[in-house]
Amino acid sequence: MLTKLTLTIESDVIHRAKEYARSKHRSVSKLVEDYLKTVSDTENLKSPDLSLKATLTESIAGMFKDDYQGQEYDQLLENAVSEDYQ
């Protein structure tokens, strides 16, 4: 069942989120839903060392897995750094 949620977010963040969502052919609602599913995953909540295992970047990485063709975060970071120094 879908339920409406009202959020208060800075207007520039909303604008950028809408542009990003449009470029990915998704809605902002779907982006937020996917993010909330990721951070509220019951398996992660059961983990006593959640703060050590999942940084914010790692917890939202699953939202963009299609963009990165299954590469792990460490590999993406290494590629990005190496591109900066080429």
PDB file of N, CA and C in Angstrom:
ATOM      1  N   MET A   1       0.839  -1.171   0.000  1.00  0.00           N
ATOM      2  CA  MET A   1       0.000   0.000   0.000  1.00  0.00           C
ATOM      3  C   MET A   1       0.890   1.243   0.000  1.00  0.00           C
ATOM      4  N   LEU A   2       0.610   2.159  -0.876  1.00  0.00           N
ATOM      5  CA  LEU A   2       1.349   3.417  -0.932  1.00  0.00           C
ATOM      6  C   LEU A   2       0.735   4.415   0.044  1.00  0.00           C
ATOM      7  N   THR A   3       1.601   5.150   0.727  1.00  0.00           N
ATOM      8  CA  THR A   3       1.173   6.166   1.671  1.00  0.00           C
ATOM      9  C   THR A   3       1.932   7.444   1.376  1.00  0.00           C
ATOM     10  N   LYS A   4       1.242   8.552   1.449  1.00  0.00           N
ATOM     11  CA  LYS A   4       1.862   9.844   1.173  1.00  0.00           C
ATOM     12  C   LYS A   4       2.688  10.285   2.377  1.00  0.00           C
ATOM     13  N   LEU A   5       3.848  10.889   2.092  1.00  0.00           N
ATOM     14  CA  LEU A   5       4.751  11.394   3.123  1.00  0.00           C
ATOM     15  C   LEU A   5       5.157  12.803   2.734  1.00  0.00           C
ATOM     16  N   THR A   6       5.101  13.717   3.672  1.00  0.00           N
ATOM     17  CA  THR A   6       5.519  15.093   3.416  1.00  0.00           C
ATOM     18  C   THR A   6       6.877  15.308   4.062  1.00  0.00           C
ATOM     19  N   LEU A   7       7.820  15.811   3.269  1.00  0.00           N
ATOM     20  CA  LEU A   7       9.168  16.086   3.755  1.00  0.00           C
ATOM     21  C   LEU A   7       9.480  17.561   3.581  1.00  0.00           C
ATOM     22  N   THR A   8      10.308  18.090   4.450  1.00  0.00           N
ATOM     23  CA  THR A   8      10.779  19.457   4.318  1.00  0.00           C
ATOM     24  C   THR A   8      12.254  19.388   3.952  1.00  0.00           C
ATOM     25  N   ILE A   9      12.569  19.831   2.729  1.00  0.00           N
ATOM     26  CA  ILE A   9      13.920  19.725   2.184  1.00  0.00           C
ATOM     27  C   ILE A   9      14.258  21.047   1.504  1.00  0.00           C
ATOM     28  N   GLU A  10      15.520  21.434   1.562  1.00  0.00           N
ATOM     29  CA  GLU A  10      15.943  22.682   0.923  1.00  0.00           C
ATOM     30  C   GLU A  10      15.601  22.640  -0.565  1.00  0.00           C
ATOM     31  N   SER A  11      15.168  23.777  -1.095  1.00  0.00           N
ATOM     32  CA  SER A  11      14.688  23.835  -2.476  1.00  0.00           C
ATOM     33  C   SER A  11      15.756  23.466  -3.496  1.00  0.00           C
ATOM     34  N   ASP A  12      17.017  23.838  -3.257  1.00  0.00           N
ATOM     35  CA  ASP A  12      18.053  23.481  -4.224  1.00  0.00           C
ATOM     36  C   ASP A  12      18.295  21.970  -4.255  1.00  0.00           C
ATOM     37  N   VAL A  13      18.134  21.311  -3.112  1.00  0.00           N
ATOM     38  CA  VAL A  13      18.277  19.852  -3.062  1.00  0.00           C
ATOM     39  C   VAL A  13      17.142  19.204  -3.843  1.00  0.00           C
ATOM     40  N   ILE A  14      15.943  19.717  -3.687  1.00  0.00           N
ATOM     41  CA  ILE A  14      14.793  19.186  -4.424  1.00  0.00           C
ATOM     42  C   ILE A  14      15.006  19.365  -5.922  1.00  0.00           C
ATOM     43  N   HIS A  15      15.464  20.516  -6.321  1.00  0.00           N
ATOM     44  CA  HIS A  15      15.697  20.790  -7.740  1.00  0.00           C
ATOM     45  C   HIS A  15      16.708  19.804  -8.328  1.00  0.00           C
ATOM     46  N   ARG A  16      17.831  19.605  -7.619  1.00  0.00           N
ATOM     47  CA  ARG A  16      18.857  18.671  -8.107  1.00  0.00           C
ATOM     48  C   ARG A  16      18.340  17.236  -8.117  1.00  0.00           C
ATOM     49  N   ALA A  17      17.567  16.881  -7.102  1.00  0.00           N
ATOM     50  CA  ALA A  17      17.011  15.525  -7.034  1.00  0.00           C
ATOM     51  C   ALA A  17      16.050  15.277  -8.200  1.00  0.00           C
ATOM     52  N   LYS A  18      15.244  16.267  -8.531  1.00  0.00           N
ATOM     53  CA  LYS A  18      14.318  16.123  -9.658  1.00  0.00           C
ATOM     54  C   LYS A  18      15.077  15.974 -10.973  1.00  0.00           C
ATOM     55  N   GLU A  19      16.120  16.741 -11.146  1.00  0.00           N
ATOM     56  CA  GLU A  19      16.931  16.621 -12.368  1.00  0.00           C
ATOM     57  C   GLU A  19      17.572  15.245 -12.461  1.00  0.00           C
ATOM     58  N   TYR A  20      18.125  14.793 -11.338  1.00  0.00           N
ATOM     59  CA  TYR A  20      18.758  13.468 -11.326  1.00  0.00           C
ATOM     60  C   TYR A  20      17.722  12.379 -11.630  1.00  0.00           C
ATOM     61  N   ALA A  21      16.591  12.445 -10.954  1.00  0.00           N
ATOM     62  CA  ALA A  21      15.544  11.439 -11.158  1.00  0.00           C
ATOM     63  C   ALA A  21      15.079  11.435 -12.613  1.00  0.00           C
ATOM     64  N   ARG A  22      14.898  12.603 -13.191  1.00  0.00           N
ATOM     65  CA  ARG A  22      14.465  12.709 -14.585  1.00  0.00           C
ATOM     66  C   ARG A  22      15.509  12.069 -15.509  1.00  0.00           C
ATOM     67  N   SER A  23      16.775  12.304 -15.228  1.00  0.00           N
ATOM     68  CA  SER A  23      17.830  11.747 -16.083  1.00  0.00           C
ATOM     69  C   SER A  23      17.895  10.222 -15.988  1.00  0.00           C
ATOM     70  N   LYS A  24      17.404   9.669 -14.876  1.00  0.00           N
ATOM     71  CA  LYS A  24      17.408   8.215 -14.673  1.00  0.00           C
ATOM     72  C   LYS A  24      16.046   7.587 -14.950  1.00  0.00           C
ATOM     73  N   HIS A  25      15.114   8.398 -15.435  1.00  0.00           N
ATOM     74  CA  HIS A  25      13.749   7.938 -15.745  1.00  0.00           C
ATOM     75  C   HIS A  25      13.090   7.306 -14.513  1.00  0.00           C
ATOM     76  N   ARG A  26      13.245   7.994 -13.385  1.00  0.00           N
ATOM     77  CA  ARG A  26      12.658   7.549 -12.131  1.00  0.00           C
ATOM     78  C   ARG A  26      12.016   8.755 -11.465  1.00  0.00           C
ATOM     79  N   SER A  27      11.232   8.501 -10.449  1.00  0.00           N
ATOM     80  CA  SER A  27      10.642   9.604  -9.694  1.00  0.00           C
ATOM     81  C   SER A  27      11.469   9.861  -8.443  1.00  0.00           C
ATOM     82  N   VAL A  28      11.346  11.071  -7.916  1.00  0.00           N
ATOM     83  CA  VAL A  28      12.014  11.385  -6.663  1.00  0.00           C
ATOM     84  C   VAL A  28      11.461  10.481  -5.561  1.00  0.00           C
ATOM     85  N   SER A  29      10.180  10.206  -5.621  1.00  0.00           N
ATOM     86  CA  SER A  29       9.576   9.311  -4.626  1.00  0.00           C
ATOM     87  C   SER A  29      10.235   7.939  -4.644  1.00  0.00           C
ATOM     88  N   LYS A  30      10.494   7.422  -5.834  1.00  0.00           N
ATOM     89  CA  LYS A  30      11.137   6.109  -5.948  1.00  0.00           C
ATOM     90  C   LYS A  30      12.566   6.160  -5.410  1.00  0.00           C
ATOM     91  N   LEU A  31      13.295   7.239  -5.690  1.00  0.00           N
ATOM     92  CA  LEU A  31      14.648   7.385  -5.150  1.00  0.00           C
ATOM     93  C   LEU A  31      14.629   7.377  -3.624  1.00  0.00           C
ATOM     94  N   VAL A  32      13.716   8.145  -3.047  1.00  0.00           N
ATOM     95  CA  VAL A  32      13.619   8.224  -1.590  1.00  0.00           C
ATOM     96  C   VAL A  32      13.196   6.875  -1.015  1.00  0.00           C
ATOM     97  N   GLU A  33      12.238   6.233  -1.654  1.00  0.00           N
ATOM     98  CA  GLU A  33      11.788   4.919  -1.190  1.00  0.00           C
ATOM     99  C   GLU A  33      12.935   3.911  -1.196  1.00  0.00           C
ATOM    100  N   ASP A  34      13.694   3.883  -2.289  1.00  0.00           N
ATOM    101  CA  ASP A  34      14.821   2.952  -2.378  1.00  0.00           C
ATOM    102  C   ASP A  34      15.862   3.245  -1.302  1.00  0.00           C
ATOM    103  N   TYR A  35      16.124   4.514  -1.073  1.00  0.00           N
ATOM    104  CA  TYR A  35      17.079   4.897  -0.032  1.00  0.00           C
ATOM    105  C   TYR A  35      16.589   4.433   1.340  1.00  0.00           C
ATOM    106  N   LEU A  36      15.334   4.709   1.642  1.00  0.00           N
ATOM    107  CA  LEU A  36      14.793   4.328   2.953  1.00  0.00           C
ATOM    108  C   LEU A  36      14.767   2.815   3.131  1.00  0.00           C
ATOM    109  N   LYS A  37      14.510   2.076   2.053  1.00  0.00           N
ATOM    110  CA  LYS A  37      14.569   0.619   2.137  1.00  0.00           C
ATOM    111  C   LYS A  37      15.975   0.165   2.484  1.00  0.00           C
ATOM    112  N   THR A  38      16.946   0.803   1.867  1.00  0.00           N
ATOM    113  CA  THR A  38      18.340   0.420   2.102  1.00  0.00           C
ATOM    114  C   THR A  38      18.766   0.687   3.538  1.00  0.00           C
ATOM    115  N   VAL A  39      18.487   1.873   4.036  1.00  0.00           N
ATOM    116  CA  VAL A  39      18.950   2.211   5.382  1.00  0.00           C
ATOM    117  C   VAL A  39      18.136   1.545   6.476  1.00  0.00           C
ATOM    118  N   SER A  40      16.948   1.092   6.155  1.00  0.00           N
ATOM    119  CA  SER A  40      16.131   0.454   7.186  1.00  0.00           C
ATOM    120  C   SER A  40      16.089  -1.066   7.032  1.00  0.00           C
ATOM    121  N   ASP A  41      16.959  -1.600   6.207  1.00  0.00           N
ATOM    122  CA  ASP A  41      17.045  -3.044   6.006  1.00  0.00           C
ATOM    123  C   ASP A  41      17.187  -3.743   7.354  1.00  0.00           C
ATOM    124  N   THR A  42      16.301  -4.677   7.633  1.00  0.00           N
ATOM    125  CA  THR A  42      16.293  -5.325   8.945  1.00  0.00           C
ATOM    126  C   THR A  42      17.574  -6.097   9.218  1.00  0.00           C
ATOM    127  N   GLU A  43      18.212  -6.620   8.205  1.00  0.00           N
ATOM    128  CA  GLU A  43      19.471  -7.324   8.429  1.00  0.00           C
ATOM    129  C   GLU A  43      20.532  -6.359   8.936  1.00  0.00           C
ATOM    130  N   ASN A  44      20.576  -5.166   8.387  1.00  0.00           N
ATOM    131  CA  ASN A  44      21.544  -4.172   8.845  1.00  0.00           C
ATOM    132  C   ASN A  44      21.229  -3.717  10.266  1.00  0.00           C
ATOM    133  N   LEU A  45      19.943  -3.600  10.587  1.00  0.00           N
ATOM    134  CA  LEU A  45      19.561  -3.149  11.924  1.00  0.00           C
ATOM    135  C   LEU A  45      19.952  -4.167  12.989  1.00  0.00           C
ATOM    136  N   LYS A  46      20.021  -5.443  12.624  1.00  0.00           N
ATOM    137  CA  LYS A  46      20.383  -6.493  13.574  1.00  0.00           C
ATOM    138  C   LYS A  46      21.883  -6.534  13.832  1.00  0.00           C
ATOM    139  N   SER A  47      22.661  -5.962  12.957  1.00  0.00           N
ATOM    140  CA  SER A  47      24.113  -6.021  13.067  1.00  0.00           C
ATOM    141  C   SER A  47      24.597  -5.105  14.188  1.00  0.00           C
ATOM    142  N   PRO A  48      25.343  -5.655  15.166  1.00  0.00           N
ATOM    143  CA  PRO A  48      25.805  -4.818  16.274  1.00  0.00           C
ATOM    144  C   PRO A  48      26.855  -3.789  15.856  1.00  0.00           C
ATOM    145  N   ASP A  49      27.562  -4.037  14.756  1.00  0.00           N
ATOM    146  CA  ASP A  49      28.595  -3.103  14.328  1.00  0.00           C
ATOM    147  C   ASP A  49      28.190  -2.379  13.047  1.00  0.00           C
ATOM    148  N   LEU A  50      26.928  -1.988  12.946  1.00  0.00           N
ATOM    149  CA  LEU A  50      26.405  -1.297  11.769  1.00  0.00           C
ATOM    150  C   LEU A  50      27.237  -0.065  11.443  1.00  0.00           C
ATOM    151  N   SER A  51      27.609   0.714  12.440  1.00  0.00           N
ATOM    152  CA  SER A  51      28.331   1.944  12.174  1.00  0.00           C
ATOM    153  C   SER A  51      29.699   1.667  11.557  1.00  0.00           C
ATOM    154  N   LEU A  52      30.269   0.503  11.832  1.00  0.00           N
ATOM    155  CA  LEU A  52      31.560   0.167  11.262  1.00  0.00           C
ATOM    156  C   LEU A  52      31.431  -0.415   9.858  1.00  0.00           C
ATOM    157  N   LYS A  53      30.323  -1.081   9.574  1.00  0.00           N
ATOM    158  CA  LYS A  53      30.166  -1.760   8.297  1.00  0.00           C
ATOM    159  C   LYS A  53      29.606  -0.873   7.204  1.00  0.00           C
ATOM    160  N   ALA A  54      28.713   0.026   7.536  1.00  0.00           N
ATOM    161  CA  ALA A  54      27.990   0.745   6.494  1.00  0.00           C
ATOM    162  C   ALA A  54      28.109   2.251   6.662  1.00  0.00           C
ATOM    163  N   THR A  55      28.952   2.840   5.876  1.00  0.00           N
ATOM    164  CA  THR A  55      28.986   4.293   5.834  1.00  0.00           C
ATOM    165  C   THR A  55      27.796   4.738   5.012  1.00  0.00           C
ATOM    166  N   LEU A  56      27.499   6.001   5.023  1.00  0.00           N
ATOM    167  CA  LEU A  56      26.380   6.509   4.241  1.00  0.00           C
ATOM    168  C   LEU A  56      26.561   6.169   2.768  1.00  0.00           C
ATOM    169  N   THR A  57      27.754   6.323   2.259  1.00  0.00           N
ATOM    170  CA  THR A  57      28.010   6.027   0.851  1.00  0.00           C
ATOM    171  C   THR A  57      27.716   4.571   0.536  1.00  0.00           C
ATOM    172  N   GLU A  58      28.187   3.668   1.386  1.00  0.00           N
ATOM    173  CA  GLU A  58      27.947   2.256   1.148  1.00  0.00           C
ATOM    174  C   GLU A  58      26.470   1.918   1.264  1.00  0.00           C
ATOM    175  N   SER A  59      25.749   2.575   2.174  1.00  0.00           N
ATOM    176  CA  SER A  59      24.349   2.230   2.379  1.00  0.00           C
ATOM    177  C   SER A  59      23.462   2.672   1.219  1.00  0.00           C
ATOM    178  N   ILE A  60      23.858   3.708   0.495  1.00  0.00           N
ATOM    179  CA  ILE A  60      23.034   4.143  -0.627  1.00  0.00           C
ATOM    180  C   ILE A  60      23.550   3.646  -1.969  1.00  0.00           C
ATOM    181  N   ALA A  61      24.691   2.994  -1.976  1.00  0.00           N
ATOM    182  CA  ALA A  61      25.275   2.541  -3.240  1.00  0.00           C
ATOM    183  C   ALA A  61      24.337   1.631  -4.012  1.00  0.00           C
ATOM    184  N   GLY A  62      23.541   0.838  -3.318  1.00  0.00           N
ATOM    185  CA  GLY A  62      22.620  -0.072  -3.994  1.00  0.00           C
ATOM    186  C   GLY A  62      21.591   0.640  -4.849  1.00  0.00           C
ATOM    187  N   MET A  63      21.298   1.888  -4.527  1.00  0.00           N
ATOM    188  CA  MET A  63      20.329   2.652  -5.312  1.00  0.00           C
ATOM    189  C   MET A  63      20.831   2.904  -6.716  1.00  0.00           C
ATOM    190  N   PHE A  64      22.135   2.885  -6.917  1.00  0.00           N
ATOM    191  CA  PHE A  64      22.716   3.264  -8.191  1.00  0.00           C
ATOM    192  C   PHE A  64      23.444   2.101  -8.864  1.00  0.00           C
ATOM    193  N   LYS A  65      23.115   0.861  -8.457  1.00  0.00           N
ATOM    194  CA  LYS A  65      23.857  -0.286  -8.962  1.00  0.00           C
ATOM    195  C   LYS A  65      23.776  -0.417 -10.477  1.00  0.00           C
ATOM    196  N   ASP A  66      22.670  -0.005 -11.085  1.00  0.00           N
ATOM    197  CA  ASP A  66      22.558  -0.077 -12.543  1.00  0.00           C
ATOM    198  C   ASP A  66      23.553   0.857 -13.223  1.00  0.00           C
ATOM    199  N   ASP A  67      23.858   1.962 -12.563  1.00  0.00           N
ATOM    200  CA  ASP A  67      24.791   2.932 -13.130  1.00  0.00           C
ATOM    201  C   ASP A  67      26.225   2.409 -13.151  1.00  0.00           C
ATOM    202  N   TYR A  68      26.539   1.513 -12.221  1.00  0.00           N
ATOM    203  CA  TYR A  68      27.924   1.090 -12.047  1.00  0.00           C
ATOM    204  C   TYR A  68      28.179  -0.362 -12.430  1.00  0.00           C
ATOM    205  N   GLN A  69      27.226  -0.973 -13.069  1.00  0.00           N
ATOM    206  CA  GLN A  69      27.376  -2.307 -13.662  1.00  0.00           C
ATOM    207  C   GLN A  69      27.991  -3.317 -12.709  1.00  0.00           C
ATOM    208  N   GLY A  70      27.549  -3.314 -11.461  1.00  0.00           N
ATOM    209  CA  GLY A  70      27.969  -4.321 -10.503  1.00  0.00           C
ATOM    210  C   GLY A  70      29.337  -4.137  -9.877  1.00  0.00           C
ATOM    211  N   GLN A  71      30.040  -3.044 -10.176  1.00  0.00           N
ATOM    212  CA  GLN A  71      31.356  -2.824  -9.581  1.00  0.00           C
ATOM    213  C   GLN A  71      31.206  -2.511  -8.090  1.00  0.00           C
ATOM    214  N   GLU A  72      32.164  -2.934  -7.318  1.00  0.00           N
ATOM    215  CA  GLU A  72      32.182  -2.650  -5.890  1.00  0.00           C
ATOM    216  C   GLU A  72      32.633  -1.199  -5.661  1.00  0.00           C
ATOM    217  N   TYR A  73      32.246  -0.651  -4.519  1.00  0.00           N
ATOM    218  CA  TYR A  73      32.577   0.729  -4.182  1.00  0.00           C
ATOM    219  C   TYR A  73      34.087   0.972  -4.228  1.00  0.00           C
ATOM    220  N   ASP A  74      34.865   0.046  -3.663  1.00  0.00           N
ATOM    221  CA  ASP A  74      36.320   0.224  -3.638  1.00  0.00           C
ATOM    222  C   ASP A  74      36.893   0.343  -5.051  1.00  0.00           C
ATOM    223  N   GLN A  75      36.374  -0.463  -5.975  1.00  0.00           N
ATOM    224  CA  GLN A  75      36.855  -0.423  -7.356  1.00  0.00           C
ATOM    225  C   GLN A  75      36.444   0.891  -8.025  1.00  0.00           C
ATOM    226  N   LEU A  76      35.221   1.343  -7.768  1.00  0.00           N
ATOM    227  CA  LEU A  76      34.766   2.615  -8.325  1.00  0.00           C
ATOM    228  C   LEU A  76      35.626   3.770  -7.822  1.00  0.00           C
ATOM    229  N   LEU A  77      35.942   3.750  -6.533  1.00  0.00           N
ATOM    230  CA  LEU A  77      36.767   4.797  -5.950  1.00  0.00           C
ATOM    231  C   LEU A  77      38.158   4.785  -6.576  1.00  0.00           C
ATOM    232  N   GLU A  78      38.736   3.602  -6.713  1.00  0.00           N
ATOM    233  CA  GLU A  78      40.063   3.485  -7.322  1.00  0.00           C
ATOM    234  C   GLU A  78      40.052   4.010  -8.757  1.00  0.00           C
ATOM    235  N   ASN A  79      39.010   3.665  -9.515  1.00  0.00           N
ATOM    236  CA  ASN A  79      38.894   4.138 -10.903  1.00  0.00           C
ATOM    237  C   ASN A  79      38.773   5.665 -10.948  1.00  0.00           C
ATOM    238  N   ALA A  80      37.968   6.226 -10.056  1.00  0.00           N
ATOM    239  CA  ALA A  80      37.759   7.676 -10.038  1.00  0.00           C
ATOM    240  C   ALA A  80      39.049   8.403  -9.700  1.00  0.00           C
ATOM    241  N   VAL A  81      39.782   7.886  -8.733  1.00  0.00           N
ATOM    242  CA  VAL A  81      41.045   8.513  -8.351  1.00  0.00           C
ATOM    243  C   VAL A  81      42.049   8.430  -9.488  1.00  0.00           C
ATOM    244  N   SER A  82      42.129   7.274 -10.126  1.00  0.00           N
ATOM    245  CA  SER A  82      43.086   7.127 -11.214  1.00  0.00           C
ATOM    246  C   SER A  82      42.724   8.025 -12.404  1.00  0.00           C
ATOM    247  N   GLU A  83      41.423   8.253 -12.630  1.00  0.00           N
ATOM    248  CA  GLU A  83      41.003   9.162 -13.708  1.00  0.00           C
ATOM    249  C   GLU A  83      41.429  10.591 -13.407  1.00  0.00           C
ATOM    250  N   ASP A  84      41.380  10.973 -12.137  1.00  0.00           N
ATOM    251  CA  ASP A  84      41.782  12.322 -11.739  1.00  0.00           C
ATOM    252  C   ASP A  84      43.262  12.586 -12.006  1.00  0.00           C
ATOM    253  N   TYR A  85      44.071  11.547 -11.989  1.00  0.00           N
ATOM    254  CA  TYR A  85      45.511  11.716 -12.146  1.00  0.00           C
ATOM    255  C   TYR A  85      46.037  11.328 -13.520  1.00  0.00           C
ATOM    256  N   GLN A  86      45.153  11.165 -14.467  1.00  0.00           N
ATOM    257  CA  GLN A  86      45.590  10.834 -15.827  1.00  0.00           C
ATOM    258  C   GLN A  86      45.786  12.089 -16.645  1.00  0.00           C
TER     259      GLN A  86
END
